[in-house]
């Protein structure tokens, strides 16, 4: 009987051990993220205060000009609509 058990064990394929791929935990992921963030932030070329001021003024001027243009077109259409309806 013990021979039968040995034969049946020999016929069975060996169980393949599953490797557990451990996923990094929350704190490991957060630490990695912060390290990469610090690395990327150090690569950023920050504008000087003078550049920031100049860019801000350009944006304000463009907004004012756009508003004036849209207001003028609106007034023109309002005038034309008044001529047609009257």
Protein backbone atom coordinates (compact mmCIF):
# COMPACT_ATOMS: atom_id res chain seq x y z
CA UNK A 1 0.00 0.00 0.00
CA UNK A 2 2.80 2.41 0.76
CA UNK A 3 4.14 1.70 -2.72
CA UNK A 4 0.83 2.81 -4.24
CA UNK A 5 0.94 6.04 -2.29
CA UNK A 6 4.50 6.71 -3.44
CA UNK A 7 3.55 6.04 -7.06
CA UNK A 8 0.53 8.31 -6.88
CA UNK A 9 2.68 11.04 -5.33
CA UNK A 10 5.27 10.64 -8.06
CA UNK A 11 2.60 10.97 -10.75
CA UNK A 12 1.26 14.20 -9.33
CA UNK A 13 2.99 17.28 -10.71
CA UNK A 14 4.89 19.27 -8.18
CA UNK A 15 3.02 22.27 -6.94
CA UNK A 16 4.48 25.44 -8.27
CA UNK A 17 5.06 27.85 -5.47
CA UNK A 18 3.37 31.12 -6.08
CA UNK A 19 5.57 34.10 -5.55
CA UNK A 20 3.79 36.80 -3.74
CA UNK A 21 4.64 40.05 -5.41
CA UNK A 22 4.33 42.41 -2.53
CA UNK A 23 2.84 45.67 -3.60
CA UNK A 24 4.25 48.69 -1.87
CA UNK A 25 2.08 50.02 0.91
CA UNK A 26 0.43 53.40 1.15
CA UNK A 27 3.30 55.06 2.98
CA UNK A 28 5.89 53.65 0.56
CA UNK A 29 3.88 54.99 -2.37
CA UNK A 30 3.43 58.36 -0.67
CA UNK A 31 7.16 58.59 0.10
CA UNK A 32 8.07 57.73 -3.48
CA UNK A 33 5.60 60.31 -4.76
CA UNK A 34 7.03 63.04 -2.55
CA UNK A 35 10.61 62.24 -3.62
CA UNK A 36 9.62 62.40 -7.29
CA UNK A 37 7.66 65.60 -6.66
CA UNK A 38 10.70 67.24 -5.06
CA UNK A 39 12.84 66.14 -8.01
CA UNK A 40 10.40 67.59 -10.56
CA UNK A 41 9.87 70.85 -8.66
CA UNK A 42 13.64 71.44 -8.64
CA UNK A 43 13.59 71.30 -12.47
CA UNK A 44 11.02 74.09 -12.78
CA UNK A 45 12.31 77.44 -14.01
CA UNK A 46 10.41 79.97 -11.93
CA UNK A 47 9.72 83.42 -13.43
CA UNK A 48 11.19 86.51 -11.88
CA UNK A 49 8.87 89.03 -10.19
CA UNK A 50 9.41 91.40 -13.12
CA UNK A 51 8.28 88.72 -15.61
CA UNK A 52 5.22 87.99 -13.49
CA UNK A 53 4.30 91.67 -13.41
CA UNK A 54 4.77 92.06 -17.18
CA UNK A 55 2.71 88.96 -17.95
CA UNK A 56 -0.03 90.10 -15.57
CA UNK A 57 -0.22 93.49 -17.26
CA UNK A 58 -0.41 91.86 -20.70
CA UNK A 59 -3.29 89.68 -19.55
CA UNK A 60 -5.17 92.66 -18.07
CA UNK A 61 -4.73 94.70 -21.27
CA UNK A 62 -5.90 91.83 -23.47
CA UNK A 63 -8.98 91.28 -21.26
CA UNK A 64 -9.87 94.99 -21.41
CA UNK A 65 -9.43 95.11 -25.21
CA UNK A 66 -11.49 91.94 -25.66
CA UNK A 67 -14.26 93.32 -23.47
CA UNK A 68 -14.28 96.60 -25.42
CA UNK A 69 -14.44 94.73 -28.74
CA UNK A 70 -17.27 92.46 -27.61
CA UNK A 71 -19.12 95.46 -26.16
CA UNK A 72 -18.76 97.37 -29.44
CA UNK A 73 -20.00 94.42 -31.50
CA UNK A 74 -22.91 93.97 -29.09
CA UNK A 75 -23.82 97.66 -29.37
CA UNK A 76 -23.64 97.45 -33.18
CA UNK A 77 -25.94 94.42 -33.29
CA UNK A 78 -28.32 96.08 -30.84
CA UNK A 79 -28.44 99.18 -33.07
CA UNK A 80 -29.00 97.06 -36.21
CA UNK A 81 -31.72 95.03 -34.48
CA UNK A 82 -33.41 98.28 -33.47
CA UNK A 83 -33.42 99.46 -37.09
CA UNK A 84 -34.90 96.19 -38.33
CA UNK A 85 -37.61 95.93 -35.66
CA UNK A 86 -38.67 99.57 -35.84
